[in-house]
Amino acid sequence: MKNIQLNYRYRDADNYKQFGSVLFSNPSSLSVEGANALLLPRLISDEFFVPDDWGLPRLHASAYNPAVDHEWHEFVGFEETSESVTDEREIGEFLEGLEMSMEMSME
């Protein structure tokens, strides 16, 4: 069984980039294309998200300074991997959580 890795990055005000990823188990064998189809509609301006809203780690390289930093991170993509999971949620559970948080924010 292949796990799914979510790749993302943070770009600060000086355009320095920090890259990160989270690996989810994939017991339902969801394809990368399927994961993209479920996640892309939940992005801000087709590419951004706030990691705290999704239960993902921030990628700030230095201490967060709200005067010059921002919360938005960029979604890079999904990929299949055989590496060990780094998040206890299954990919389906993670994506379902995004759906529920989106519904709650619309109420």
PDB file of N, CA and C in Angstrom:
ATOM      1  N   MET A   1       0.850  -1.176   0.000  1.00  0.00           N
ATOM      2  CA  MET A   1       0.000   0.000   0.000  1.00  0.00           C
ATOM      3  C   MET A   1       0.893   1.235   0.000  1.00  0.00           C
ATOM      4  N   LYS A   2       0.568   2.164  -0.870  1.00  0.00           N
ATOM      5  CA  LYS A   2       1.294   3.429  -0.946  1.00  0.00           C
ATOM      6  C   LYS A   2       0.634   4.457  -0.031  1.00  0.00           C
ATOM      7  N   ASN A   3       1.449   5.223   0.660  1.00  0.00           N
ATOM      8  CA  ASN A   3       0.961   6.350   1.438  1.00  0.00           C
ATOM      9  C   ASN A   3       0.898   7.573   0.529  1.00  0.00           C
ATOM     10  N   ILE A   4       0.252   8.625   1.007  1.00  0.00           N
ATOM     11  CA  ILE A   4       0.167   9.862   0.223  1.00  0.00           C
ATOM     12  C   ILE A   4       0.859  10.973   0.993  1.00  0.00           C
ATOM     13  N   GLN A   5       1.713  11.676   0.278  1.00  0.00           N
ATOM     14  CA  GLN A   5       2.467  12.784   0.857  1.00  0.00           C
ATOM     15  C   GLN A   5       1.897  14.101   0.330  1.00  0.00           C
ATOM     16  N   LEU A   6       1.567  15.005   1.251  1.00  0.00           N
ATOM     17  CA  LEU A   6       1.120  16.348   0.903  1.00  0.00           C
ATOM     18  C   LEU A   6       2.340  17.265   1.013  1.00  0.00           C
ATOM     19  N   ASN A   7       2.709  17.895  -0.092  1.00  0.00           N
ATOM     20  CA  ASN A   7       3.852  18.801  -0.128  1.00  0.00           C
ATOM     21  C   ASN A   7       3.360  20.242  -0.143  1.00  0.00           C
ATOM     22  N   TYR A   8       4.012  21.078   0.656  1.00  0.00           N
ATOM     23  CA  TYR A   8       3.630  22.482   0.701  1.00  0.00           C
ATOM     24  C   TYR A   8       4.835  23.339   1.051  1.00  0.00           C
ATOM     25  N   ARG A   9       4.669  24.663   0.937  1.00  0.00           N
ATOM     26  CA  ARG A   9       5.779  25.564   1.238  1.00  0.00           C
ATOM     27  C   ARG A   9       5.255  26.873   1.814  1.00  0.00           C
ATOM     28  N   TYR A  10       6.178  27.547   2.487  1.00  0.00           N
ATOM     29  CA  TYR A  10       5.902  28.880   3.004  1.00  0.00           C
ATOM     30  C   TYR A  10       6.892  29.828   2.336  1.00  0.00           C
ATOM     31  N   ARG A  11       6.389  30.944   1.860  1.00  0.00           N
ATOM     32  CA  ARG A  11       7.223  31.960   1.220  1.00  0.00           C
ATOM     33  C   ARG A  11       7.080  33.240   2.047  1.00  0.00           C
ATOM     34  N   ASP A  12       8.188  33.701   2.642  1.00  0.00           N
ATOM     35  CA  ASP A  12       8.082  34.881   3.501  1.00  0.00           C
ATOM     36  C   ASP A  12       8.140  36.172   2.679  1.00  0.00           C
ATOM     37  N   ALA A  13       8.092  37.303   3.369  1.00  0.00           N
ATOM     38  CA  ALA A  13       8.051  38.607   2.704  1.00  0.00           C
ATOM     39  C   ALA A  13       9.293  38.870   1.857  1.00  0.00           C
ATOM     40  N   ASP A  14      10.412  38.249   2.198  1.00  0.00           N
ATOM     41  CA  ASP A  14      11.644  38.400   1.417  1.00  0.00           C
ATOM     42  C   ASP A  14      11.795  37.315   0.352  1.00  0.00           C
ATOM     43  N   ASN A  15      10.757  36.527   0.148  1.00  0.00           N
ATOM     44  CA  ASN A  15      10.700  35.441  -0.841  1.00  0.00           C
ATOM     45  C   ASN A  15      11.595  34.252  -0.485  1.00  0.00           C
ATOM     46  N   TYR A  16      11.987  34.146   0.794  1.00  0.00           N
ATOM     47  CA  TYR A  16      12.677  32.940   1.237  1.00  0.00           C
ATOM     48  C   TYR A  16      11.633  31.846   1.387  1.00  0.00           C
ATOM     49  N   LYS A  17      11.990  30.638   0.982  1.00  0.00           N
ATOM     50  CA  LYS A  17      11.021  29.544   0.984  1.00  0.00           C
ATOM     51  C   LYS A  17      11.435  28.457   1.968  1.00  0.00           C
ATOM     52  N   GLN A  18      10.434  27.924   2.644  1.00  0.00           N
ATOM     53  CA  GLN A  18      10.602  26.766   3.513  1.00  0.00           C
ATOM     54  C   GLN A  18       9.678  25.682   2.973  1.00  0.00           C
ATOM     55  N   PHE A  19      10.207  24.483   2.779  1.00  0.00           N
ATOM     56  CA  PHE A  19       9.423  23.388   2.224  1.00  0.00           C
ATOM     57  C   PHE A  19       9.101  22.374   3.319  1.00  0.00           C
ATOM     58  N   GLY A  20       7.954  21.765   3.200  1.00  0.00           N
ATOM     59  CA  GLY A  20       7.558  20.750   4.156  1.00  0.00           C
ATOM     60  C   GLY A  20       6.604  19.756   3.528  1.00  0.00           C
ATOM     61  N   SER A  21       6.381  18.682   4.244  1.00  0.00           N
ATOM     62  CA  SER A  21       5.442  17.662   3.777  1.00  0.00           C
ATOM     63  C   SER A  21       4.885  16.909   4.969  1.00  0.00           C
ATOM     64  N   VAL A  22       3.731  16.312   4.746  1.00  0.00           N
ATOM     65  CA  VAL A  22       3.073  15.473   5.740  1.00  0.00           C
ATOM     66  C   VAL A  22       2.668  14.198   5.012  1.00  0.00           C
ATOM     67  N   LEU A  23       2.924  13.051   5.640  1.00  0.00           N
ATOM     68  CA  LEU A  23       2.601  11.763   5.020  1.00  0.00           C
ATOM     69  C   LEU A  23       1.440  11.120   5.742  1.00  0.00           C
ATOM     70  N   PHE A  24       0.428  10.775   4.966  1.00  0.00           N
ATOM     71  CA  PHE A  24      -0.780  10.144   5.482  1.00  0.00           C
ATOM     72  C   PHE A  24      -0.853   8.696   5.008  1.00  0.00           C
ATOM     73  N   SER A  25      -1.418   7.830   5.838  1.00  0.00           N
ATOM     74  CA  SER A  25      -1.702   6.478   5.370  1.00  0.00           C
ATOM     75  C   SER A  25      -2.831   6.551   4.350  1.00  0.00           C
ATOM     76  N   ASN A  26      -2.911   5.535   3.517  1.00  0.00           N
ATOM     77  CA  ASN A  26      -3.891   5.547   2.427  1.00  0.00           C
ATOM     78  C   ASN A  26      -4.536   4.165   2.276  1.00  0.00           C
ATOM     79  N   PRO A  27      -5.251   3.706   3.317  1.00  0.00           N
ATOM     80  CA  PRO A  27      -5.827   2.362   3.248  1.00  0.00           C
ATOM     81  C   PRO A  27      -6.897   2.208   2.176  1.00  0.00           C
ATOM     82  N   SER A  28      -7.495   3.301   1.735  1.00  0.00           N
ATOM     83  CA  SER A  28      -8.526   3.213   0.693  1.00  0.00           C
ATOM     84  C   SER A  28      -7.936   3.327  -0.710  1.00  0.00           C
ATOM     85  N   SER A  29      -6.613   3.424  -0.813  1.00  0.00           N
ATOM     86  CA  SER A  29      -5.914   3.540  -2.104  1.00  0.00           C
ATOM     87  C   SER A  29      -6.421   4.702  -2.943  1.00  0.00           C
ATOM     88  N   LEU A  30      -6.668   5.832  -2.295  1.00  0.00           N
ATOM     89  CA  LEU A  30      -7.076   7.038  -3.001  1.00  0.00           C
ATOM     90  C   LEU A  30      -5.944   7.466  -3.928  1.00  0.00           C
ATOM     91  N   SER A  31      -6.266   7.806  -5.152  1.00  0.00           N
ATOM     92  CA  SER A  31      -5.234   8.234  -6.105  1.00  0.00           C
ATOM     93  C   SER A  31      -4.813   9.668  -5.819  1.00  0.00           C
ATOM     94  N   VAL A  32      -3.669  10.049  -6.330  1.00  0.00           N
ATOM     95  CA  VAL A  32      -3.198  11.426  -6.221  1.00  0.00           C
ATOM     96  C   VAL A  32      -4.206  12.358  -6.885  1.00  0.00           C
ATOM     97  N   GLU A  33      -4.731  11.938  -8.026  1.00  0.00           N
ATOM     98  CA  GLU A  33      -5.722  12.747  -8.736  1.00  0.00           C
ATOM     99  C   GLU A  33      -6.996  12.917  -7.911  1.00  0.00           C
ATOM    100  N   GLY A  34      -7.413  11.853  -7.247  1.00  0.00           N
ATOM    101  CA  GLY A  34      -8.599  11.910  -6.394  1.00  0.00           C
ATOM    102  C   GLY A  34      -8.394  12.824  -5.202  1.00  0.00           C
ATOM    103  N   ALA A  35      -7.205  12.749  -4.594  1.00  0.00           N
ATOM    104  CA  ALA A  35      -6.888  13.622  -3.464  1.00  0.00           C
ATOM    105  C   ALA A  35      -6.869  15.081  -3.918  1.00  0.00           C
ATOM    106  N   ASN A  36      -6.274  15.336  -5.083  1.00  0.00           N
ATOM    107  CA  ASN A  36      -6.266  16.697  -5.631  1.00  0.00           C
ATOM    108  C   ASN A  36      -7.685  17.205  -5.848  1.00  0.00           C
ATOM    109  N   ALA A  37      -8.541  16.381  -6.406  1.00  0.00           N
ATOM    110  CA  ALA A  37      -9.918  16.797  -6.695  1.00  0.00           C
ATOM    111  C   ALA A  37     -10.659  17.178  -5.415  1.00  0.00           C
ATOM    112  N   LEU A  38     -10.359  16.516  -4.314  1.00  0.00           N
ATOM    113  CA  LEU A  38     -11.021  16.823  -3.050  1.00  0.00           C
ATOM    114  C   LEU A  38     -10.401  18.027  -2.337  1.00  0.00           C
ATOM    115  N   LEU A  39      -9.104  18.250  -2.518  1.00  0.00           N
ATOM    116  CA  LEU A  39      -8.437  19.334  -1.802  1.00  0.00           C
ATOM    117  C   LEU A  39      -8.482  20.672  -2.544  1.00  0.00           C
ATOM    118  N   LEU A  40      -8.304  20.670  -3.840  1.00  0.00           N
ATOM    119  CA  LEU A  40      -8.179  21.927  -4.593  1.00  0.00           C
ATOM    120  C   LEU A  40      -9.325  22.911  -4.377  1.00  0.00           C
ATOM    121  N   PRO A  41     -10.587  22.471  -4.286  1.00  0.00           N
ATOM    122  CA  PRO A  41     -11.663  23.443  -4.053  1.00  0.00           C
ATOM    123  C   PRO A  41     -11.599  24.123  -2.683  1.00  0.00           C
ATOM    124  N   ARG A  42     -10.792  23.618  -1.783  1.00  0.00           N
ATOM    125  CA  ARG A  42     -10.704  24.175  -0.434  1.00  0.00           C
ATOM    126  C   ARG A  42      -9.553  25.168  -0.278  1.00  0.00           C
ATOM    127  N   LEU A  43      -8.830  25.414  -1.344  1.00  0.00           N
ATOM    128  CA  LEU A  43      -7.701  26.342  -1.297  1.00  0.00           C
ATOM    129  C   LEU A  43      -8.166  27.782  -1.485  1.00  0.00           C
ATOM    130  N   ILE A  44      -7.417  28.699  -0.950  1.00  0.00           N
ATOM    131  CA  ILE A  44      -7.645  30.126  -1.134  1.00  0.00           C
ATOM    132  C   ILE A  44      -6.955  30.525  -2.435  1.00  0.00           C
ATOM    133  N   SER A  45      -7.675  31.143  -3.344  1.00  0.00           N
ATOM    134  CA  SER A  45      -7.113  31.575  -4.635  1.00  0.00           C
ATOM    135  C   SER A  45      -6.391  30.442  -5.365  1.00  0.00           C
ATOM    136  N   ASP A  46      -6.942  29.235  -5.265  1.00  0.00           N
ATOM    137  CA  ASP A  46      -6.440  28.054  -5.982  1.00  0.00           C
ATOM    138  C   ASP A  46      -5.069  27.548  -5.553  1.00  0.00           C
ATOM    139  N   GLU A  47      -4.465  28.098  -4.479  1.00  0.00           N
ATOM    140  CA  GLU A  47      -3.166  27.571  -4.081  1.00  0.00           C
ATOM    141  C   GLU A  47      -2.806  27.725  -2.602  1.00  0.00           C
ATOM    142  N   PHE A  48      -3.504  28.559  -1.845  1.00  0.00           N
ATOM    143  CA  PHE A  48      -3.097  28.860  -0.478  1.00  0.00           C
ATOM    144  C   PHE A  48      -4.008  28.221   0.566  1.00  0.00           C
ATOM    145  N   PHE A  49      -3.448  28.042   1.757  1.00  0.00           N
ATOM    146  CA  PHE A  49      -4.207  27.571   2.908  1.00  0.00           C
ATOM    147  C   PHE A  49      -3.488  28.023   4.173  1.00  0.00           C
ATOM    148  N   VAL A  50      -4.201  27.969   5.282  1.00  0.00           N
ATOM    149  CA  VAL A  50      -3.620  28.278   6.588  1.00  0.00           C
ATOM    150  C   VAL A  50      -3.419  26.940   7.298  1.00  0.00           C
ATOM    151  N   PRO A  51      -2.181  26.541   7.558  1.00  0.00           N
ATOM    152  CA  PRO A  51      -1.935  25.204   8.112  1.00  0.00           C
ATOM    153  C   PRO A  51      -2.616  24.944   9.449  1.00  0.00           C
ATOM    154  N   ASP A  52      -2.753  25.963  10.291  1.00  0.00           N
ATOM    155  CA  ASP A  52      -3.440  25.765  11.570  1.00  0.00           C
ATOM    156  C   ASP A  52      -4.877  25.303  11.356  1.00  0.00           C
ATOM    157  N   ASP A  53      -5.525  25.796  10.305  1.00  0.00           N
ATOM    158  CA  ASP A  53      -6.904  25.403  10.005  1.00  0.00           C
ATOM    159  C   ASP A  53      -7.012  23.935   9.621  1.00  0.00           C
ATOM    160  N   TRP A  54      -5.937  23.373   9.122  1.00  0.00           N
ATOM    161  CA  TRP A  54      -5.945  21.991   8.647  1.00  0.00           C
ATOM    162  C   TRP A  54      -5.209  21.035   9.581  1.00  0.00           C
ATOM    163  N   GLY A  55      -4.714  21.540  10.699  1.00  0.00           N
ATOM    164  CA  GLY A  55      -3.974  20.687  11.626  1.00  0.00           C
ATOM    165  C   GLY A  55      -2.609  20.293  11.103  1.00  0.00           C
ATOM    166  N   LEU A  56      -1.992  21.164  10.298  1.00  0.00           N
ATOM    167  CA  LEU A  56      -0.661  20.909   9.743  1.00  0.00           C
ATOM    168  C   LEU A  56       0.346  21.867  10.371  1.00  0.00           C
ATOM    169  N   PRO A  57       1.615  21.464  10.436  1.00  0.00           N
ATOM    170  CA  PRO A  57       2.629  22.353  11.010  1.00  0.00           C
ATOM    171  C   PRO A  57       2.910  23.564  10.124  1.00  0.00           C
ATOM    172  N   ARG A  58       3.156  24.692  10.764  1.00  0.00           N
ATOM    173  CA  ARG A  58       3.618  25.882  10.044  1.00  0.00           C
ATOM    174  C   ARG A  58       5.058  25.662   9.620  1.00  0.00           C
ATOM    175  N   LEU A  59       5.459  26.349   8.568  1.00  0.00           N
ATOM    176  CA  LEU A  59       6.812  26.194   8.060  1.00  0.00           C
ATOM    177  C   LEU A  59       7.662  27.453   8.223  1.00  0.00           C
ATOM    178  N   HIS A  60       7.355  28.281   9.185  1.00  0.00           N
ATOM    179  CA  HIS A  60       8.133  29.497   9.403  1.00  0.00           C
ATOM    180  C   HIS A  60       9.532  29.116   9.883  1.00  0.00           C
ATOM    181  N   ALA A  61      10.569  29.609   9.179  1.00  0.00           N
ATOM    182  CA  ALA A  61      11.950  29.271   9.536  1.00  0.00           C
ATOM    183  C   ALA A  61      12.399  29.989  10.798  1.00  0.00           C
ATOM    184  N   SER A  62      11.877  31.186  11.009  1.00  0.00           N
ATOM    185  CA  SER A  62      12.236  31.942  12.205  1.00  0.00           C
ATOM    186  C   SER A  62      10.965  32.279  12.973  1.00  0.00           C
ATOM    187  N   ALA A  63      11.137  32.906  14.100  1.00  0.00           N
ATOM    188  CA  ALA A  63       9.977  33.250  14.923  1.00  0.00           C
ATOM    189  C   ALA A  63       8.976  34.060  14.110  1.00  0.00           C
ATOM    190  N   TYR A  64       7.715  33.732  14.281  1.00  0.00           N
ATOM    191  CA  TYR A  64       6.648  34.382  13.535  1.00  0.00           C
ATOM    192  C   TYR A  64       6.479  35.823  13.997  1.00  0.00           C
ATOM    193  N   ASN A  65       6.522  36.743  13.047  1.00  0.00           N
ATOM    194  CA  ASN A  65       6.342  38.164  13.336  1.00  0.00           C
ATOM    195  C   ASN A  65       5.155  38.653  12.513  1.00  0.00           C
ATOM    196  N   PRO A  66       4.004  38.864  13.135  1.00  0.00           N
ATOM    197  CA  PRO A  66       2.805  39.238  12.372  1.00  0.00           C
ATOM    198  C   PRO A  66       2.935  40.571  11.633  1.00  0.00           C
ATOM    199  N   ALA A  67       3.914  41.384  11.982  1.00  0.00           N
ATOM    200  CA  ALA A  67       4.104  42.660  11.281  1.00  0.00           C
ATOM    201  C   ALA A  67       4.619  42.449   9.853  1.00  0.00           C
ATOM    202  N   VAL A  68       5.371  41.373   9.634  1.00  0.00           N
ATOM    203  CA  VAL A  68       5.923  41.126   8.290  1.00  0.00           C
ATOM    204  C   VAL A  68       5.578  39.742   7.734  1.00  0.00           C
ATOM    205  N   ASP A  69       5.172  38.831   8.588  1.00  0.00           N
ATOM    206  CA  ASP A  69       4.846  37.479   8.141  1.00  0.00           C
ATOM    207  C   ASP A  69       3.342  37.331   7.933  1.00  0.00           C
ATOM    208  N   HIS A  70       2.965  36.277   7.289  1.00  0.00           N
ATOM    209  CA  HIS A  70       1.561  35.959   7.061  1.00  0.00           C
ATOM    210  C   HIS A  70       1.351  34.483   7.353  1.00  0.00           C
ATOM    211  N   GLU A  71       0.106  34.067   7.388  1.00  0.00           N
ATOM    212  CA  GLU A  71      -0.238  32.679   7.718  1.00  0.00           C
ATOM    213  C   GLU A  71      -0.320  31.771   6.494  1.00  0.00           C
ATOM    214  N   TRP A  72      -0.499  32.343   5.316  1.00  0.00           N
ATOM    215  CA  TRP A  72      -0.778  31.533   4.138  1.00  0.00           C
ATOM    216  C   TRP A  72       0.429  30.717   3.697  1.00  0.00           C
ATOM    217  N   HIS A  73       0.178  29.438   3.455  1.00  0.00           N
ATOM    218  CA  HIS A  73       1.161  28.521   2.899  1.00  0.00           C
ATOM    219  C   HIS A  73       0.653  28.090   1.522  1.00  0.00           C
ATOM    220  N   GLU A  74       1.552  27.619   0.671  1.00  0.00           N
ATOM    221  CA  GLU A  74       1.194  27.224  -0.684  1.00  0.00           C
ATOM    222  C   GLU A  74       1.134  25.701  -0.802  1.00  0.00           C
ATOM    223  N   PHE A  75       0.041  25.213  -1.364  1.00  0.00           N
ATOM    224  CA  PHE A  75      -0.069  23.792  -1.663  1.00  0.00           C
ATOM    225  C   PHE A  75       0.768  23.509  -2.901  1.00  0.00           C
ATOM    226  N   VAL A  76       1.674  22.536  -2.816  1.00  0.00           N
ATOM    227  CA  VAL A  76       2.534  22.170  -3.945  1.00  0.00           C
ATOM    228  C   VAL A  76       1.956  20.967  -4.677  1.00  0.00           C
ATOM    229  N   GLY A  77       1.503  19.956  -3.938  1.00  0.00           N
ATOM    230  CA  GLY A  77       0.920  18.789  -4.584  1.00  0.00           C
ATOM    231  C   GLY A  77       0.975  17.560  -3.699  1.00  0.00           C
ATOM    232  N   PHE A  78       0.332  16.522  -4.184  1.00  0.00           N
ATOM    233  CA  PHE A  78       0.363  15.212  -3.540  1.00  0.00           C
ATOM    234  C   PHE A  78       1.286  14.302  -4.336  1.00  0.00           C
ATOM    235  N   GLU A  79       1.833  13.306  -3.672  1.00  0.00           N
ATOM    236  CA  GLU A  79       2.562  12.245  -4.363  1.00  0.00           C
ATOM    237  C   GLU A  79       2.446  10.962  -3.556  1.00  0.00           C
ATOM    238  N   GLU A  80       2.532   9.851  -4.266  1.00  0.00           N
ATOM    239  CA  GLU A  80       2.537   8.554  -3.584  1.00  0.00           C
ATOM    240  C   GLU A  80       3.938   8.291  -3.061  1.00  0.00           C
ATOM    241  N   THR A  81       4.012   7.608  -1.929  1.00  0.00           N
ATOM    242  CA  THR A  81       5.309   7.292  -1.339  1.00  0.00           C
ATOM    243  C   THR A  81       5.201   6.015  -0.516  1.00  0.00           C
ATOM    244  N   SER A  82       6.308   5.357  -0.337  1.00  0.00           N
ATOM    245  CA  SER A  82       6.342   4.190   0.554  1.00  0.00           C
ATOM    246  C   SER A  82       6.988   4.549   1.888  1.00  0.00           C
ATOM    247  N   GLU A  83       7.316   5.839   2.069  1.00  0.00           N
ATOM    248  CA  GLU A  83       7.888   6.285   3.341  1.00  0.00           C
ATOM    249  C   GLU A  83       6.841   6.207   4.449  1.00  0.00           C
ATOM    250  N   SER A  84       7.304   6.195   5.680  1.00  0.00           N
ATOM    251  CA  SER A  84       6.431   6.068   6.848  1.00  0.00           C
ATOM    252  C   SER A  84       5.575   7.313   7.048  1.00  0.00           C
ATOM    253  N   VAL A  85       4.375   7.105   7.566  1.00  0.00           N
ATOM    254  CA  VAL A  85       3.456   8.206   7.818  1.00  0.00           C
ATOM    255  C   VAL A  85       4.002   9.119   8.915  1.00  0.00           C
ATOM    256  N   THR A  86       3.666  10.399   8.817  1.00  0.00           N
ATOM    257  CA  THR A  86       4.072  11.375   9.830  1.00  0.00           C
ATOM    258  C   THR A  86       2.859  12.007  10.500  1.00  0.00           C
ATOM    259  N   ASP A  87       1.663  11.661  10.031  1.00  0.00           N
ATOM    260  CA  ASP A  87       0.417  12.175  10.601  1.00  0.00           C
ATOM    261  C   ASP A  87      -0.459  10.970  10.898  1.00  0.00           C
ATOM    262  N   GLU A  88      -1.093  10.957  12.045  1.00  0.00           N
ATOM    263  CA  GLU A  88      -1.882   9.784  12.439  1.00  0.00           C
ATOM    264  C   GLU A  88      -3.184   9.638  11.653  1.00  0.00           C
ATOM    265  N   ARG A  89      -3.609  10.687  10.962  1.00  0.00           N
ATOM    266  CA  ARG A  89      -4.851  10.621  10.177  1.00  0.00           C
ATOM    267  C   ARG A  89      -4.621   9.894   8.864  1.00  0.00           C
ATOM    268  N   GLU A  90      -5.646   9.180   8.420  1.00  0.00           N
ATOM    269  CA  GLU A  90      -5.636   8.622   7.068  1.00  0.00           C
ATOM    270  C   GLU A  90      -5.940   9.761   6.112  1.00  0.00           C
ATOM    271  N   ILE A  91      -5.527   9.655   4.860  1.00  0.00           N
ATOM    272  CA  ILE A  91      -5.761  10.731   3.901  1.00  0.00           C
ATOM    273  C   ILE A  91      -7.257  11.041   3.779  1.00  0.00           C
ATOM    274  N   GLY A  92      -8.099  10.023   3.793  1.00  0.00           N
ATOM    275  CA  GLY A  92      -9.543  10.247   3.706  1.00  0.00           C
ATOM    276  C   GLY A  92     -10.068  11.020   4.900  1.00  0.00           C
ATOM    277  N   GLU A  93      -9.568  10.698   6.071  1.00  0.00           N
ATOM    278  CA  GLU A  93      -9.967  11.397   7.297  1.00  0.00           C
ATOM    279  C   GLU A  93      -9.520  12.863   7.244  1.00  0.00           C
ATOM    280  N   PHE A  94      -8.300  13.105   6.782  1.00  0.00           N
ATOM    281  CA  PHE A  94      -7.798  14.465   6.643  1.00  0.00           C
ATOM    282  C   PHE A  94      -8.679  15.274   5.686  1.00  0.00           C
ATOM    283  N   LEU A  95      -8.972  14.711   4.524  1.00  0.00           N
ATOM    284  CA  LEU A  95      -9.776  15.425   3.526  1.00  0.00           C
ATOM    285  C   LEU A  95     -11.211  15.628   3.999  1.00  0.00           C
ATOM    286  N   GLU A  96     -11.762  14.647   4.717  1.00  0.00           N
ATOM    287  CA  GLU A  96     -13.101  14.796   5.300  1.00  0.00           C
ATOM    288  C   GLU A  96     -13.124  15.941   6.313  1.00  0.00           C
ATOM    289  N   GLY A  97     -12.063  16.062   7.093  1.00  0.00           N
ATOM    290  CA  GLY A  97     -11.961  17.136   8.066  1.00  0.00           C
ATOM    291  C   GLY A  97     -11.959  18.499   7.396  1.00  0.00           C
ATOM    292  N   LEU A  98     -11.353  18.601   6.224  1.00  0.00           N
ATOM    293  CA  LEU A  98     -11.361  19.864   5.486  1.00  0.00           C
ATOM    294  C   LEU A  98     -12.771  20.215   5.054  1.00  0.00           C
ATOM    295  N   GLU A  99     -13.506  19.215   4.622  1.00  0.00           N
ATOM    296  CA  GLU A  99     -14.895  19.422   4.195  1.00  0.00           C
ATOM    297  C   GLU A  99     -15.733  19.919   5.368  1.00  0.00           C
ATOM    298  N   MET A 100     -15.563  19.282   6.524  1.00  0.00           N
ATOM    299  CA  MET A 100     -16.365  19.677   7.695  1.00  0.00           C
ATOM    300  C   MET A 100     -15.998  21.077   8.173  1.00  0.00           C
ATOM    301  N   SER A 101     -14.701  21.416   8.164  1.00  0.00           N
ATOM    302  CA  SER A 101     -14.301  22.746   8.622  1.00  0.00           C
ATOM    303  C   SER A 101     -14.807  23.814   7.653  1.00  0.00           C
ATOM    304  N   MET A 102     -14.876  23.489   6.382  1.00  0.00           N
ATOM    305  CA  MET A 102     -15.384  24.431   5.394  1.00  0.00           C
ATOM    306  C   MET A 102     -16.889  24.662   5.593  1.00  0.00           C
ATOM    307  N   GLU A 103     -17.605  23.579   5.858  1.00  0.00           N
ATOM    308  CA  GLU A 103     -19.043  23.691   6.096  1.00  0.00           C
ATOM    309  C   GLU A 103     -19.336  24.524   7.345  1.00  0.00           C
ATOM    310  N   MET A 104     -18.537  24.320   8.398  1.00  0.00           N
ATOM    311  CA  MET A 104     -18.726  25.072   9.636  1.00  0.00           C
ATOM    312  C   MET A 104     -18.436  26.561   9.433  1.00  0.00           C
ATOM    313  N   SER A 105     -17.456  26.875   8.599  1.00  0.00           N
ATOM    314  CA  SER A 105     -17.132  28.278   8.382  1.00  0.00           C
ATOM    315  C   SER A 105     -18.187  29.000   7.548  1.00  0.00           C
ATOM    316  N   MET A 106     -19.020  28.239   6.841  1.00  0.00           N
ATOM    317  CA  MET A 106     -20.067  28.830   6.016  1.00  0.00           C
ATOM    318  C   MET A 106     -21.342  29.076   6.823  1.00  0.00           C
ATOM    319  N   GLU A 107     -21.433  28.500   8.011  1.00  0.00           N
ATOM    320  CA  GLU A 107     -22.656  28.647   8.826  1.00  0.00           C
ATOM    321  C   GLU A 107     -22.695  29.992   9.509  1.00  0.00           C
TER     322      GLU A 107
END
